[in-house]
C-alpha atoms as a PDB file:
ATOM      1  CA  UNK A   1       3.010 -20.691  65.097  1.00  0.00           C
ATOM      2  CA  UNK A   2       5.002 -22.241  62.289  1.00  0.00           C
ATOM      3  CA  UNK A   3       8.650 -21.225  62.116  1.00  0.00           C
ATOM      4  CA  UNK A   4      11.675 -22.094  60.015  1.00  0.00           C
ATOM      5  CA  UNK A   5      13.044 -25.621  60.378  1.00  0.00           C
ATOM      6  CA  UNK A   6      16.475 -27.025  59.679  1.00  0.00           C
ATOM      7  CA  UNK A   7      16.623 -28.072  56.038  1.00  0.00           C
ATOM      8  CA  UNK A   8      18.109 -31.540  55.531  1.00  0.00           C
ATOM      9  CA  UNK A   9      17.517 -32.420  51.898  1.00  0.00           C
ATOM     10  CA  UNK A  10      17.392 -36.059  50.833  1.00  0.00           C
ATOM     11  CA  UNK A  11      19.749 -37.736  48.365  1.00  0.00           C
ATOM     12  CA  UNK A  12      17.792 -36.265  45.440  1.00  0.00           C
ATOM     13  CA  UNK A  13      17.751 -32.758  46.899  1.00  0.00           C
ATOM     14  CA  UNK A  14      14.110 -32.766  48.011  1.00  0.00           C
ATOM     15  CA  UNK A  15      12.739 -31.622  51.367  1.00  0.00           C
ATOM     16  CA  UNK A  16       9.438 -30.548  52.930  1.00  0.00           C
ATOM     17  CA  UNK A  17       8.944 -28.612  56.161  1.00  0.00           C
ATOM     18  CA  UNK A  18       7.858 -31.169  58.797  1.00  0.00           C
ATOM     19  CA  UNK A  19       4.696 -29.223  59.700  1.00  0.00           C
ATOM     20  CA  UNK A  20       3.688 -29.010  56.042  1.00  0.00           C
ATOM     21  CA  UNK A  21       4.428 -32.727  55.600  1.00  0.00           C
ATOM     22  CA  UNK A  22       2.020 -33.519  58.453  1.00  0.00           C
ATOM     23  CA  UNK A  23      -0.702 -31.193  57.090  1.00  0.00           C
ATOM     24  CA  UNK A  24      -2.242 -33.827  54.851  1.00  0.00           C
ATOM     25  CA  UNK A  25      -2.655 -31.344  51.987  1.00  0.00           C
ATOM     26  CA  UNK A  26      -3.001 -33.151  48.683  1.00  0.00           C
ATOM     27  CA  UNK A  27      -4.487 -30.495  46.405  1.00  0.00           C
ATOM     28  CA  UNK A  28      -3.799 -26.830  45.656  1.00  0.00           C
ATOM     29  CA  UNK A  29      -7.134 -25.895  47.258  1.00  0.00           C
ATOM     30  CA  UNK A  30      -6.241 -27.752  50.462  1.00  0.00           C
ATOM     31  CA  UNK A  31      -2.814 -26.096  50.562  1.00  0.00           C
ATOM     32  CA  UNK A  32      -4.335 -22.640  49.981  1.00  0.00           C
ATOM     33  CA  UNK A  33      -6.788 -23.191  52.827  1.00  0.00           C
ATOM     34  CA  UNK A  34      -4.027 -24.517  55.118  1.00  0.00           C
ATOM     35  CA  UNK A  35      -1.787 -21.517  54.368  1.00  0.00           C
ATOM     36  CA  UNK A  36      -4.635 -19.092  55.009  1.00  0.00           C
ATOM     37  CA  UNK A  37      -5.592 -20.688  58.341  1.00  0.00           C
ATOM     38  CA  UNK A  38      -1.950 -20.521  59.480  1.00  0.00           C
ATOM     39  CA  UNK A  39      -1.577 -16.919  58.254  1.00  0.00           C
ATOM     40  CA  UNK A  40       1.213 -17.850  55.855  1.00  0.00           C
ATOM     41  CA  UNK A  41       2.007 -16.516  52.405  1.00  0.00           C
ATOM     42  CA  UNK A  42       3.331 -18.744  49.664  1.00  0.00           C
ATOM     43  CA  UNK A  43       6.004 -17.634  47.208  1.00  0.00           C
ATOM     44  CA  UNK A  44       6.640 -20.215  44.492  1.00  0.00           C
ATOM     45  CA  UNK A  45      10.013 -20.486  42.812  1.00  0.00           C
ATOM     46  CA  UNK A  46      10.766 -22.971  40.081  1.00  0.00           C
ATOM     47  CA  UNK A  47      14.140 -24.512  39.454  1.00  0.00           C
ATOM     48  CA  UNK A  48      13.450 -24.281  35.715  1.00  0.00           C
ATOM     49  CA  UNK A  49      13.218 -20.476  35.965  1.00  0.00           C
ATOM     50  CA  UNK A  50      15.624 -19.736  38.820  1.00  0.00           C
ATOM     51  CA  UNK A  51      18.432 -22.169  37.934  1.00  0.00           C
ATOM     52  CA  UNK A  52      18.014 -23.481  34.370  1.00  0.00           C
ATOM     53  CA  UNK A  53      21.463 -25.126  34.332  1.00  0.00           C
ATOM     54  CA  UNK A  54      20.702 -27.077  37.515  1.00  0.00           C
ATOM     55  CA  UNK A  55      17.270 -27.939  36.104  1.00  0.00           C
ATOM     56  CA  UNK A  56      18.782 -29.366  32.914  1.00  0.00           C
ATOM     57  CA  UNK A  57      21.490 -31.216  34.859  1.00  0.00           C
ATOM     58  CA  UNK A  58      18.815 -32.768  37.072  1.00  0.00           C
ATOM     59  CA  UNK A  59      17.361 -34.663  34.131  1.00  0.00           C
ATOM     60  CA  UNK A  60      19.587 -37.619  33.433  1.00  0.00           C
ATOM     61  CA  UNK A  61      18.919 -41.274  32.705  1.00  0.00           C
ATOM     62  CA  UNK A  62      18.117 -41.598  36.398  1.00  0.00           C
ATOM     63  CA  UNK A  63      15.218 -40.032  38.299  1.00  0.00           C
ATOM     64  CA  UNK A  64      15.140 -36.211  38.116  1.00  0.00           C
ATOM     65  CA  UNK A  65      16.647 -34.433  41.097  1.00  0.00           C
ATOM     66  CA  UNK A  66      17.145 -31.006  42.618  1.00  0.00           C
ATOM     67  CA  UNK A  67      20.582 -31.492  44.184  1.00  0.00           C
ATOM     68  CA  UNK A  68      22.121 -28.666  42.139  1.00  0.00           C
ATOM     69  CA  UNK A  69      19.569 -26.035  43.156  1.00  0.00           C
ATOM     70  CA  UNK A  70      19.972 -23.771  46.166  1.00  0.00           C
ATOM     71  CA  UNK A  71      16.798 -21.657  46.401  1.00  0.00           C
ATOM     72  CA  UNK A  72      17.368 -18.068  47.515  1.00  0.00           C
ATOM     73  CA  UNK A  73      14.842 -16.352  49.811  1.00  0.00           C
ATOM     74  CA  UNK A  74      13.083 -13.194  48.592  1.00  0.00           C
ATOM     75  CA  UNK A  75      15.194 -10.052  48.911  1.00  0.00           C
ATOM     76  CA  UNK A  76      13.124  -8.587  51.732  1.00  0.00           C
ATOM     77  CA  UNK A  77      13.732 -11.712  53.888  1.00  0.00           C
ATOM     78  CA  UNK A  78      11.017 -10.598  56.290  1.00  0.00           C
ATOM     79  CA  UNK A  79      10.519 -13.890  58.118  1.00  0.00           C
ATOM     80  CA  UNK A  80      10.432 -16.016  54.984  1.00  0.00           C
ATOM     81  CA  UNK A  81      11.480 -19.646  55.270  1.00  0.00           C
ATOM     82  CA  UNK A  82      11.620 -22.669  53.011  1.00  0.00           C
ATOM     83  CA  UNK A  83       8.481 -24.796  52.875  1.00  0.00           C
ATOM     84  CA  UNK A  84       9.419 -27.436  50.340  1.00  0.00           C
ATOM     85  CA  UNK A  85      11.717 -28.481  47.522  1.00  0.00           C
ATOM     86  CA  UNK A  86       9.845 -31.087  45.529  1.00  0.00           C
ATOM     87  CA  UNK A  87       9.212 -32.427  42.078  1.00  0.00           C
ATOM     88  CA  UNK A  88       6.098 -31.120  40.402  1.00  0.00           C
ATOM     89  CA  UNK A  89       5.087 -32.099  36.905  1.00  0.00           C
ATOM     90  CA  UNK A  90       2.366 -29.431  36.587  1.00  0.00           C
END
């Protein structure tokens, strides 16, 4: 069973659940299969939509970062936990 893990974000604000990091998933199809086999649901939030000010502030002359974003769990909070905060150019 996969459960919540302590979130210790790196200097750029990124983090991935250790079990997910070890999964080896590299594509959306692999992630979908992995989630299904572990009986997990995925809820995607984007910093651009959830925190536009933090999103804009994260783009400076340096590498983009997510330090200013604090993702909020869904309102029902029925066992939800953070899986990853990462950069995604898609």
